[in-house]
Amino acid sequence: LSWPAFVPLSRLTYCAYLMNGLVELY
């Protein structure tokens, strides 16, 4: 769970949460 590859994905979770609705609607 501390794998470095998770770091950028973890930091993008808030923006992913905001943009996912737009992706699904589109």
mmCIF file of all heavy atoms, coordinates in Angstrom:
data_MODEL
# 
_entry.id   MODEL 
# 
loop_
_atom_site.group_PDB 
_atom_site.id 
_atom_site.type_symbol 
_atom_site.label_atom_id 
_atom_site.label_alt_id 
_atom_site.label_comp_id 
_atom_site.label_asym_id 
_atom_site.label_entity_id 
_atom_site.label_seq_id 
_atom_site.pdbx_PDB_ins_code 
_atom_site.Cartn_x 
_atom_site.Cartn_y 
_atom_site.Cartn_z 
_atom_site.occupancy 
_atom_site.B_iso_or_equiv 
_atom_site.pdbx_formal_charge 
_atom_site.auth_seq_id 
_atom_site.auth_comp_id 
_atom_site.auth_asym_id 
_atom_site.auth_atom_id 
_atom_site.pdbx_PDB_model_num 
ATOM 1   N N   . LEU A 1 1  ? 0.819   -1.214 0.000   1.00 0.00 ? 1  LEU A N   1 
ATOM 2   C CA  . LEU A 1 1  ? 0.000   0.000  0.000   1.00 0.00 ? 1  LEU A CA  1 
ATOM 3   C C   . LEU A 1 1  ? 0.851   1.261  0.000   1.00 0.00 ? 1  LEU A C   1 
ATOM 4   O O   . LEU A 1 1  ? 0.360   2.338  -0.359  1.00 0.00 ? 1  LEU A O   1 
ATOM 5   C CB  . LEU A 1 1  ? -0.933  -0.003 1.217   1.00 0.00 ? 1  LEU A CB  1 
ATOM 6   C CG  . LEU A 1 1  ? -2.020  -1.084 1.219   1.00 0.00 ? 1  LEU A CG  1 
ATOM 7   C CD1 . LEU A 1 1  ? -2.788  -1.077 2.536   1.00 0.00 ? 1  LEU A CD1 1 
ATOM 8   C CD2 . LEU A 1 1  ? -2.972  -0.900 0.044   1.00 0.00 ? 1  LEU A CD2 1 
ATOM 9   N N   . SER A 1 2  ? 2.108   1.151  0.394   1.00 0.00 ? 2  SER A N   1 
ATOM 10  C CA  . SER A 1 2  ? 3.017   2.302  0.372   1.00 0.00 ? 2  SER A CA  1 
ATOM 11  C C   . SER A 1 2  ? 3.808   2.384  -0.926  1.00 0.00 ? 2  SER A C   1 
ATOM 12  O O   . SER A 1 2  ? 4.749   3.183  -1.032  1.00 0.00 ? 2  SER A O   1 
ATOM 13  C CB  . SER A 1 2  ? 3.986   2.211  1.561   1.00 0.00 ? 2  SER A CB  1 
ATOM 14  O OG  . SER A 1 2  ? 3.296   2.172  2.786   1.00 0.00 ? 2  SER A OG  1 
ATOM 15  N N   . TRP A 1 3  ? 3.453   1.595  -1.909  1.00 0.00 ? 3  TRP A N   1 
ATOM 16  C CA  . TRP A 1 3  ? 4.125   1.578  -3.209  1.00 0.00 ? 3  TRP A CA  1 
ATOM 17  C C   . TRP A 1 3  ? 4.111   2.980  -3.815  1.00 0.00 ? 3  TRP A C   1 
ATOM 18  O O   . TRP A 1 3  ? 3.067   3.636  -3.877  1.00 0.00 ? 3  TRP A O   1 
ATOM 19  C CB  . TRP A 1 3  ? 3.402   0.593  -4.115  1.00 0.00 ? 3  TRP A CB  1 
ATOM 20  C CG  . TRP A 1 3  ? 4.052   0.341  -5.447  1.00 0.00 ? 3  TRP A CG  1 
ATOM 21  C CD1 . TRP A 1 3  ? 5.368   0.418  -5.758  1.00 0.00 ? 3  TRP A CD1 1 
ATOM 22  C CD2 . TRP A 1 3  ? 3.376   -0.049 -6.653  1.00 0.00 ? 3  TRP A CD2 1 
ATOM 23  N NE1 . TRP A 1 3  ? 5.580   0.104  -7.074  1.00 0.00 ? 3  TRP A NE1 1 
ATOM 24  C CE2 . TRP A 1 3  ? 4.375   -0.187 -7.647  1.00 0.00 ? 3  TRP A CE2 1 
ATOM 25  C CE3 . TRP A 1 3  ? 2.047   -0.289 -6.977  1.00 0.00 ? 3  TRP A CE3 1 
ATOM 26  C CZ2 . TRP A 1 3  ? 4.060   -0.548 -8.954  1.00 0.00 ? 3  TRP A CZ2 1 
ATOM 27  C CZ3 . TRP A 1 3  ? 1.733   -0.661 -8.278  1.00 0.00 ? 3  TRP A CZ3 1 
ATOM 28  C CH2 . TRP A 1 3  ? 2.735   -0.787 -9.253  1.00 0.00 ? 3  TRP A CH2 1 
ATOM 29  N N   . PRO A 1 4  ? 5.247   3.498  -4.273  1.00 0.00 ? 4  PRO A N   1 
ATOM 30  C CA  . PRO A 1 4  ? 5.311   4.867  -4.802  1.00 0.00 ? 4  PRO A CA  1 
ATOM 31  C C   . PRO A 1 4  ? 4.347   5.142  -5.956  1.00 0.00 ? 4  PRO A C   1 
ATOM 32  O O   . PRO A 1 4  ? 3.933   6.288  -6.160  1.00 0.00 ? 4  PRO A O   1 
ATOM 33  C CB  . PRO A 1 4  ? 6.770   4.997  -5.266  1.00 0.00 ? 4  PRO A CB  1 
ATOM 34  C CG  . PRO A 1 4  ? 7.519   4.035  -4.409  1.00 0.00 ? 4  PRO A CG  1 
ATOM 35  C CD  . PRO A 1 4  ? 6.587   2.882  -4.186  1.00 0.00 ? 4  PRO A CD  1 
ATOM 36  N N   . ALA A 1 5  ? 3.985   4.110  -6.720  1.00 0.00 ? 5  ALA A N   1 
ATOM 37  C CA  . ALA A 1 5  ? 3.071   4.323  -7.847  1.00 0.00 ? 5  ALA A CA  1 
ATOM 38  C C   . ALA A 1 5  ? 1.698   4.798  -7.392  1.00 0.00 ? 5  ALA A C   1 
ATOM 39  O O   . ALA A 1 5  ? 0.947   5.411  -8.169  1.00 0.00 ? 5  ALA A O   1 
ATOM 40  C CB  . ALA A 1 5  ? 2.934   3.033  -8.655  1.00 0.00 ? 5  ALA A CB  1 
ATOM 41  N N   . PHE A 1 6  ? 1.340   4.525  -6.137  1.00 0.00 ? 6  PHE A N   1 
ATOM 42  C CA  . PHE A 1 6  ? 0.043   4.958  -5.628  1.00 0.00 ? 6  PHE A CA  1 
ATOM 43  C C   . PHE A 1 6  ? 0.015   6.442  -5.265  1.00 0.00 ? 6  PHE A C   1 
ATOM 44  O O   . PHE A 1 6  ? -1.059  7.015  -5.105  1.00 0.00 ? 6  PHE A O   1 
ATOM 45  C CB  . PHE A 1 6  ? -0.340  4.140  -4.387  1.00 0.00 ? 6  PHE A CB  1 
ATOM 46  C CG  . PHE A 1 6  ? -0.766  2.735  -4.679  1.00 0.00 ? 6  PHE A CG  1 
ATOM 47  C CD1 . PHE A 1 6  ? -0.251  1.671  -3.943  1.00 0.00 ? 6  PHE A CD1 1 
ATOM 48  C CD2 . PHE A 1 6  ? -1.684  2.464  -5.682  1.00 0.00 ? 6  PHE A CD2 1 
ATOM 49  C CE1 . PHE A 1 6  ? -0.648  0.369  -4.203  1.00 0.00 ? 6  PHE A CE1 1 
ATOM 50  C CE2 . PHE A 1 6  ? -2.080  1.162  -5.954  1.00 0.00 ? 6  PHE A CE2 1 
ATOM 51  C CZ  . PHE A 1 6  ? -1.566  0.110  -5.219  1.00 0.00 ? 6  PHE A CZ  1 
ATOM 52  N N   . VAL A 1 7  ? 1.190   7.049  -5.115  1.00 0.00 ? 7  VAL A N   1 
ATOM 53  C CA  . VAL A 1 7  ? 1.242   8.426  -4.622  1.00 0.00 ? 7  VAL A CA  1 
ATOM 54  C C   . VAL A 1 7  ? 0.523   9.398  -5.551  1.00 0.00 ? 7  VAL A C   1 
ATOM 55  O O   . VAL A 1 7  ? -0.363  10.145 -5.112  1.00 0.00 ? 7  VAL A O   1 
ATOM 56  C CB  . VAL A 1 7  ? 2.703   8.851  -4.374  1.00 0.00 ? 7  VAL A CB  1 
ATOM 57  C CG1 . VAL A 1 7  ? 2.781   10.342 -4.046  1.00 0.00 ? 7  VAL A CG1 1 
ATOM 58  C CG2 . VAL A 1 7  ? 3.301   8.027  -3.244  1.00 0.00 ? 7  VAL A CG2 1 
ATOM 59  N N   . PRO A 1 8  ? 0.862   9.468  -6.856  1.00 0.00 ? 8  PRO A N   1 
ATOM 60  C CA  . PRO A 1 8  ? 0.149   10.425 -7.714  1.00 0.00 ? 8  PRO A CA  1 
ATOM 61  C C   . PRO A 1 8  ? -1.339  10.108 -7.849  1.00 0.00 ? 8  PRO A C   1 
ATOM 62  O O   . PRO A 1 8  ? -2.167  11.027 -7.906  1.00 0.00 ? 8  PRO A O   1 
ATOM 63  C CB  . PRO A 1 8  ? 0.875   10.309 -9.064  1.00 0.00 ? 8  PRO A CB  1 
ATOM 64  C CG  . PRO A 1 8  ? 1.593   9.006  -9.022  1.00 0.00 ? 8  PRO A CG  1 
ATOM 65  C CD  . PRO A 1 8  ? 1.925   8.762  -7.593  1.00 0.00 ? 8  PRO A CD  1 
ATOM 66  N N   . LEU A 1 9  ? -1.694  8.827  -7.906  1.00 0.00 ? 9  LEU A N   1 
ATOM 67  C CA  . LEU A 1 9  ? -3.113  8.483  -7.984  1.00 0.00 ? 9  LEU A CA  1 
ATOM 68  C C   . LEU A 1 9  ? -3.850  8.936  -6.728  1.00 0.00 ? 9  LEU A C   1 
ATOM 69  O O   . LEU A 1 9  ? -4.981  9.444  -6.799  1.00 0.00 ? 9  LEU A O   1 
ATOM 70  C CB  . LEU A 1 9  ? -3.280  6.976  -8.173  1.00 0.00 ? 9  LEU A CB  1 
ATOM 71  C CG  . LEU A 1 9  ? -2.827  6.386  -9.511  1.00 0.00 ? 9  LEU A CG  1 
ATOM 72  C CD1 . LEU A 1 9  ? -3.053  4.880  -9.526  1.00 0.00 ? 9  LEU A CD1 1 
ATOM 73  C CD2 . LEU A 1 9  ? -3.560  7.045  -10.671 1.00 0.00 ? 9  LEU A CD2 1 
ATOM 74  N N   . SER A 1 10 ? -3.204  8.763  -5.579  1.00 0.00 ? 10 SER A N   1 
ATOM 75  C CA  . SER A 1 10 ? -3.817  9.191  -4.332  1.00 0.00 ? 10 SER A CA  1 
ATOM 76  C C   . SER A 1 10 ? -4.047  10.695 -4.316  1.00 0.00 ? 10 SER A C   1 
ATOM 77  O O   . SER A 1 10 ? -5.084  11.174 -3.856  1.00 0.00 ? 10 SER A O   1 
ATOM 78  C CB  . SER A 1 10 ? -2.920  8.773  -3.164  1.00 0.00 ? 10 SER A CB  1 
ATOM 79  O OG  . SER A 1 10 ? -3.385  9.314  -1.946  1.00 0.00 ? 10 SER A OG  1 
ATOM 80  N N   . ARG A 1 11 ? -3.098  11.444 -4.832  1.00 0.00 ? 11 ARG A N   1 
ATOM 81  C CA  . ARG A 1 11 ? -3.217  12.900 -4.830  1.00 0.00 ? 11 ARG A CA  1 
ATOM 82  C C   . ARG A 1 11 ? -4.217  13.399 -5.869  1.00 0.00 ? 11 ARG A C   1 
ATOM 83  O O   . ARG A 1 11 ? -4.636  14.560 -5.806  1.00 0.00 ? 11 ARG A O   1 
ATOM 84  C CB  . ARG A 1 11 ? -1.849  13.523 -5.076  1.00 0.00 ? 11 ARG A CB  1 
ATOM 85  C CG  . ARG A 1 11 ? -0.923  13.343 -3.889  1.00 0.00 ? 11 ARG A CG  1 
ATOM 86  C CD  . ARG A 1 11 ? 0.482   13.784 -4.189  1.00 0.00 ? 11 ARG A CD  1 
ATOM 87  N NE  . ARG A 1 11 ? 1.305   13.718 -2.977  1.00 0.00 ? 11 ARG A NE  1 
ATOM 88  C CZ  . ARG A 1 11 ? 2.620   13.805 -2.964  1.00 0.00 ? 11 ARG A CZ  1 
ATOM 89  N NH1 . ARG A 1 11 ? 3.284   13.934 -4.096  1.00 0.00 ? 11 ARG A NH1 1 
ATOM 90  N NH2 . ARG A 1 11 ? 3.278   13.745 -1.826  1.00 0.00 ? 11 ARG A NH2 1 
ATOM 91  N N   . LEU A 1 12 ? -4.582  12.559 -6.796  1.00 0.00 ? 12 LEU A N   1 
ATOM 92  C CA  . LEU A 1 12 ? -5.573  12.946 -7.808  1.00 0.00 ? 12 LEU A CA  1 
ATOM 93  C C   . LEU A 1 12 ? -6.990  12.505 -7.442  1.00 0.00 ? 12 LEU A C   1 
ATOM 94  O O   . LEU A 1 12 ? -7.915  12.738 -8.222  1.00 0.00 ? 12 LEU A O   1 
ATOM 95  C CB  . LEU A 1 12 ? -5.194  12.343 -9.166  1.00 0.00 ? 12 LEU A CB  1 
ATOM 96  C CG  . LEU A 1 12 ? -4.011  12.972 -9.893  1.00 0.00 ? 12 LEU A CG  1 
ATOM 97  C CD1 . LEU A 1 12 ? -3.680  12.182 -11.152 1.00 0.00 ? 12 LEU A CD1 1 
ATOM 98  C CD2 . LEU A 1 12 ? -4.299  14.425 -10.257 1.00 0.00 ? 12 LEU A CD2 1 
ATOM 99  N N   . THR A 1 13 ? -7.172  11.879 -6.289  1.00 0.00 ? 13 THR A N   1 
ATOM 100 C CA  . THR A 1 13 ? -8.497  11.326 -5.989  1.00 0.00 ? 13 THR A CA  1 
ATOM 101 C C   . THR A 1 13 ? -9.574  12.407 -5.893  1.00 0.00 ? 13 THR A C   1 
ATOM 102 O O   . THR A 1 13 ? -10.706 12.188 -6.319  1.00 0.00 ? 13 THR A O   1 
ATOM 103 C CB  . THR A 1 13 ? -8.463  10.523 -4.677  1.00 0.00 ? 13 THR A CB  1 
ATOM 104 O OG1 . THR A 1 13 ? -7.862  11.308 -3.640  1.00 0.00 ? 13 THR A OG1 1 
ATOM 105 C CG2 . THR A 1 13 ? -7.678  9.233  -4.852  1.00 0.00 ? 13 THR A CG2 1 
ATOM 106 N N   . TYR A 1 14 ? -9.246  13.566 -5.331  1.00 0.00 ? 14 TYR A N   1 
ATOM 107 C CA  . TYR A 1 14 ? -10.256 14.614 -5.205  1.00 0.00 ? 14 TYR A CA  1 
ATOM 108 C C   . TYR A 1 14 ? -10.694 15.121 -6.566  1.00 0.00 ? 14 TYR A C   1 
ATOM 109 O O   . TYR A 1 14 ? -11.889 15.253 -6.849  1.00 0.00 ? 14 TYR A O   1 
ATOM 110 C CB  . TYR A 1 14 ? -9.709  15.764 -4.357  1.00 0.00 ? 14 TYR A CB  1 
ATOM 111 C CG  . TYR A 1 14 ? -10.688 16.901 -4.173  1.00 0.00 ? 14 TYR A CG  1 
ATOM 112 C CD1 . TYR A 1 14 ? -11.976 16.668 -3.704  1.00 0.00 ? 14 TYR A CD1 1 
ATOM 113 C CD2 . TYR A 1 14 ? -10.328 18.216 -4.461  1.00 0.00 ? 14 TYR A CD2 1 
ATOM 114 C CE1 . TYR A 1 14 ? -12.875 17.706 -3.530  1.00 0.00 ? 14 TYR A CE1 1 
ATOM 115 C CE2 . TYR A 1 14 ? -11.209 19.254 -4.290  1.00 0.00 ? 14 TYR A CE2 1 
ATOM 116 C CZ  . TYR A 1 14 ? -12.477 18.999 -3.823  1.00 0.00 ? 14 TYR A CZ  1 
ATOM 117 O OH  . TYR A 1 14 ? -13.370 20.029 -3.658  1.00 0.00 ? 14 TYR A OH  1 
ATOM 118 N N   . CYS A 1 15 ? -9.751  15.401 -7.433  1.00 0.00 ? 15 CYS A N   1 
ATOM 119 C CA  . CYS A 1 15 ? -10.097 15.870 -8.778  1.00 0.00 ? 15 CYS A CA  1 
ATOM 120 C C   . CYS A 1 15 ? -10.778 14.766 -9.588  1.00 0.00 ? 15 CYS A C   1 
ATOM 121 O O   . CYS A 1 15 ? -11.661 15.043 -10.410 1.00 0.00 ? 15 CYS A O   1 
ATOM 122 C CB  . CYS A 1 15 ? -8.848  16.374 -9.496  1.00 0.00 ? 15 CYS A CB  1 
ATOM 123 S SG  . CYS A 1 15 ? -8.215  17.929 -8.833  1.00 0.00 ? 15 CYS A SG  1 
ATOM 124 N N   . ALA A 1 16 ? -10.375 13.519 -9.374  1.00 0.00 ? 16 ALA A N   1 
ATOM 125 C CA  . ALA A 1 16 ? -11.054 12.408 -10.046 1.00 0.00 ? 16 ALA A CA  1 
ATOM 126 C C   . ALA A 1 16 ? -12.507 12.314 -9.587  1.00 0.00 ? 16 ALA A C   1 
ATOM 127 O O   . ALA A 1 16 ? -13.412 12.061 -10.386 1.00 0.00 ? 16 ALA A O   1 
ATOM 128 C CB  . ALA A 1 16 ? -10.323 11.097 -9.771  1.00 0.00 ? 16 ALA A CB  1 
ATOM 129 N N   . TYR A 1 17 ? -12.718 12.519 -8.308  1.00 0.00 ? 17 TYR A N   1 
ATOM 130 C CA  . TYR A 1 17 ? -14.081 12.534 -7.764  1.00 0.00 ? 17 TYR A CA  1 
ATOM 131 C C   . TYR A 1 17 ? -14.914 13.629 -8.416  1.00 0.00 ? 17 TYR A C   1 
ATOM 132 O O   . TYR A 1 17 ? -16.090 13.426 -8.772  1.00 0.00 ? 17 TYR A O   1 
ATOM 133 C CB  . TYR A 1 17 ? -13.991 12.722 -6.253  1.00 0.00 ? 17 TYR A CB  1 
ATOM 134 C CG  . TYR A 1 17 ? -15.143 13.430 -5.610  1.00 0.00 ? 17 TYR A CG  1 
ATOM 135 C CD1 . TYR A 1 17 ? -16.305 12.749 -5.274  1.00 0.00 ? 17 TYR A CD1 1 
ATOM 136 C CD2 . TYR A 1 17 ? -15.071 14.792 -5.324  1.00 0.00 ? 17 TYR A CD2 1 
ATOM 137 C CE1 . TYR A 1 17 ? -17.369 13.410 -4.675  1.00 0.00 ? 17 TYR A CE1 1 
ATOM 138 C CE2 . TYR A 1 17 ? -16.123 15.447 -4.726  1.00 0.00 ? 17 TYR A CE2 1 
ATOM 139 C CZ  . TYR A 1 17 ? -17.267 14.764 -4.407  1.00 0.00 ? 17 TYR A CZ  1 
ATOM 140 O OH  . TYR A 1 17 ? -18.306 15.418 -3.822  1.00 0.00 ? 17 TYR A OH  1 
ATOM 141 N N   . LEU A 1 18 ? -14.326 14.809 -8.628  1.00 0.00 ? 18 LEU A N   1 
ATOM 142 C CA  . LEU A 1 18 ? -15.064 15.916 -9.231  1.00 0.00 ? 18 LEU A CA  1 
ATOM 143 C C   . LEU A 1 18 ? -15.340 15.681 -10.714 1.00 0.00 ? 18 LEU A C   1 
ATOM 144 O O   . LEU A 1 18 ? -16.410 16.034 -11.215 1.00 0.00 ? 18 LEU A O   1 
ATOM 145 C CB  . LEU A 1 18 ? -14.284 17.219 -9.056  1.00 0.00 ? 18 LEU A CB  1 
ATOM 146 C CG  . LEU A 1 18 ? -14.127 17.759 -7.630  1.00 0.00 ? 18 LEU A CG  1 
ATOM 147 C CD1 . LEU A 1 18 ? -13.250 19.000 -7.628  1.00 0.00 ? 18 LEU A CD1 1 
ATOM 148 C CD2 . LEU A 1 18 ? -15.488 18.065 -7.020  1.00 0.00 ? 18 LEU A CD2 1 
ATOM 149 N N   . MET A 1 19 ? -14.399 15.091 -11.436 1.00 0.00 ? 19 MET A N   1 
ATOM 150 C CA  . MET A 1 19 ? -14.522 14.970 -12.889 1.00 0.00 ? 19 MET A CA  1 
ATOM 151 C C   . MET A 1 19 ? -15.260 13.719 -13.330 1.00 0.00 ? 19 MET A C   1 
ATOM 152 O O   . MET A 1 19 ? -15.712 13.643 -14.470 1.00 0.00 ? 19 MET A O   1 
ATOM 153 C CB  . MET A 1 19 ? -13.127 14.969 -13.532 1.00 0.00 ? 19 MET A CB  1 
ATOM 154 C CG  . MET A 1 19 ? -12.345 16.261 -13.320 1.00 0.00 ? 19 MET A CG  1 
ATOM 155 S SD  . MET A 1 19 ? -13.213 17.722 -13.924 1.00 0.00 ? 19 MET A SD  1 
ATOM 156 C CE  . MET A 1 19 ? -13.193 17.434 -15.689 1.00 0.00 ? 19 MET A CE  1 
ATOM 157 N N   . ASN A 1 20 ? -15.402 12.734 -12.456 1.00 0.00 ? 20 ASN A N   1 
ATOM 158 C CA  . ASN A 1 20 ? -15.989 11.466 -12.884 1.00 0.00 ? 20 ASN A CA  1 
ATOM 159 C C   . ASN A 1 20 ? -17.434 11.628 -13.346 1.00 0.00 ? 20 ASN A C   1 
ATOM 160 O O   . ASN A 1 20 ? -17.868 10.981 -14.305 1.00 0.00 ? 20 ASN A O   1 
ATOM 161 C CB  . ASN A 1 20 ? -15.911 10.443 -11.757 1.00 0.00 ? 20 ASN A CB  1 
ATOM 162 C CG  . ASN A 1 20 ? -16.457 9.094  -12.158 1.00 0.00 ? 20 ASN A CG  1 
ATOM 163 O OD1 . ASN A 1 20 ? -17.409 8.597  -11.562 1.00 0.00 ? 20 ASN A OD1 1 
ATOM 164 N ND2 . ASN A 1 20 ? -15.879 8.485  -13.174 1.00 0.00 ? 20 ASN A ND2 1 
ATOM 165 N N   . GLY A 1 21 ? -18.201 12.483 -12.679 1.00 0.00 ? 21 GLY A N   1 
ATOM 166 C CA  . GLY A 1 21 ? -19.587 12.699 -13.096 1.00 0.00 ? 21 GLY A CA  1 
ATOM 167 C C   . GLY A 1 21 ? -19.671 13.225 -14.513 1.00 0.00 ? 21 GLY A C   1 
ATOM 168 O O   . GLY A 1 21 ? -20.538 12.816 -15.294 1.00 0.00 ? 21 GLY A O   1 
ATOM 169 N N   . LEU A 1 22 ? -18.767 14.135 -14.868 1.00 0.00 ? 22 LEU A N   1 
ATOM 170 C CA  . LEU A 1 22 ? -18.744 14.674 -16.226 1.00 0.00 ? 22 LEU A CA  1 
ATOM 171 C C   . LEU A 1 22 ? -18.415 13.590 -17.242 1.00 0.00 ? 22 LEU A C   1 
ATOM 172 O O   . LEU A 1 22 ? -19.029 13.511 -18.314 1.00 0.00 ? 22 LEU A O   1 
ATOM 173 C CB  . LEU A 1 22 ? -17.716 15.806 -16.300 1.00 0.00 ? 22 LEU A CB  1 
ATOM 174 C CG  . LEU A 1 22 ? -17.553 16.483 -17.664 1.00 0.00 ? 22 LEU A CG  1 
ATOM 175 C CD1 . LEU A 1 22 ? -18.851 17.155 -18.088 1.00 0.00 ? 22 LEU A CD1 1 
ATOM 176 C CD2 . LEU A 1 22 ? -16.415 17.505 -17.622 1.00 0.00 ? 22 LEU A CD2 1 
ATOM 177 N N   . VAL A 1 23 ? -17.455 12.730 -16.918 1.00 0.00 ? 23 VAL A N   1 
ATOM 178 C CA  . VAL A 1 23 ? -17.084 11.637 -17.823 1.00 0.00 ? 23 VAL A CA  1 
ATOM 179 C C   . VAL A 1 23 ? -18.270 10.703 -18.050 1.00 0.00 ? 23 VAL A C   1 
ATOM 180 O O   . VAL A 1 23 ? -18.586 10.343 -19.189 1.00 0.00 ? 23 VAL A O   1 
ATOM 181 C CB  . VAL A 1 23 ? -15.880 10.859 -17.255 1.00 0.00 ? 23 VAL A CB  1 
ATOM 182 C CG1 . VAL A 1 23 ? -15.628 9.586  -18.055 1.00 0.00 ? 23 VAL A CG1 1 
ATOM 183 C CG2 . VAL A 1 23 ? -14.637 11.730 -17.252 1.00 0.00 ? 23 VAL A CG2 1 
ATOM 184 N N   . GLU A 1 24 ? -18.937 10.310 -16.965 1.00 0.00 ? 24 GLU A N   1 
ATOM 185 C CA  . GLU A 1 24 ? -20.054 9.377  -17.092 1.00 0.00 ? 24 GLU A CA  1 
ATOM 186 C C   . GLU A 1 24 ? -21.219 9.995  -17.848 1.00 0.00 ? 24 GLU A C   1 
ATOM 187 O O   . GLU A 1 24 ? -21.840 9.342  -18.696 1.00 0.00 ? 24 GLU A O   1 
ATOM 188 C CB  . GLU A 1 24 ? -20.502 8.906  -15.709 1.00 0.00 ? 24 GLU A CB  1 
ATOM 189 C CG  . GLU A 1 24 ? -19.441 8.180  -14.898 1.00 0.00 ? 24 GLU A CG  1 
ATOM 190 C CD  . GLU A 1 24 ? -18.862 6.981  -15.616 1.00 0.00 ? 24 GLU A CD  1 
ATOM 191 O OE1 . GLU A 1 24 ? -19.541 6.419  -16.501 1.00 0.00 ? 24 GLU A OE1 1 
ATOM 192 O OE2 . GLU A 1 24 ? -17.723 6.599  -15.301 1.00 0.00 ? 24 GLU A OE2 1 
ATOM 193 N N   . LEU A 1 25 ? -21.532 11.240 -17.561 1.00 0.00 ? 25 LEU A N   1 
ATOM 194 C CA  . LEU A 1 25 ? -22.616 11.914 -18.270 1.00 0.00 ? 25 LEU A CA  1 
ATOM 195 C C   . LEU A 1 25 ? -22.305 12.033 -19.756 1.00 0.00 ? 25 LEU A C   1 
ATOM 196 O O   . LEU A 1 25 ? -23.161 11.776 -20.610 1.00 0.00 ? 25 LEU A O   1 
ATOM 197 C CB  . LEU A 1 25 ? -22.849 13.303 -17.678 1.00 0.00 ? 25 LEU A CB  1 
ATOM 198 C CG  . LEU A 1 25 ? -23.652 13.385 -16.385 1.00 0.00 ? 25 LEU A CG  1 
ATOM 199 C CD1 . LEU A 1 25 ? -23.627 14.796 -15.842 1.00 0.00 ? 25 LEU A CD1 1 
ATOM 200 C CD2 . LEU A 1 25 ? -25.094 12.946 -16.636 1.00 0.00 ? 25 LEU A CD2 1 
ATOM 201 N N   . TYR A 1 26 ? -21.085 12.432 -20.063 1.00 0.00 ? 26 TYR A N   1 
ATOM 202 C CA  . TYR A 1 26 ? -20.711 12.630 -21.467 1.00 0.00 ? 26 TYR A CA  1 
ATOM 203 C C   . TYR A 1 26 ? -20.797 11.325 -22.253 1.00 0.00 ? 26 TYR A C   1 
ATOM 204 O O   . TYR A 1 26 ? -21.402 11.280 -23.343 1.00 0.00 ? 26 TYR A O   1 
ATOM 205 C CB  . TYR A 1 26 ? -19.297 13.205 -21.548 1.00 0.00 ? 26 TYR A CB  1 
ATOM 206 C CG  . TYR A 1 26 ? -18.875 13.546 -22.957 1.00 0.00 ? 26 TYR A CG  1 
ATOM 207 C CD1 . TYR A 1 26 ? -19.033 14.824 -23.456 1.00 0.00 ? 26 TYR A CD1 1 
ATOM 208 C CD2 . TYR A 1 26 ? -18.322 12.581 -23.801 1.00 0.00 ? 26 TYR A CD2 1 
ATOM 209 C CE1 . TYR A 1 26 ? -18.665 15.147 -24.752 1.00 0.00 ? 26 TYR A CE1 1 
ATOM 210 C CE2 . TYR A 1 26 ? -17.948 12.881 -25.092 1.00 0.00 ? 26 TYR A CE2 1 
ATOM 211 C CZ  . TYR A 1 26 ? -18.120 14.169 -25.561 1.00 0.00 ? 26 TYR A CZ  1 
ATOM 212 O OH  . TYR A 1 26 ? -17.764 14.463 -26.849 1.00 0.00 ? 26 TYR A OH  1 
# 
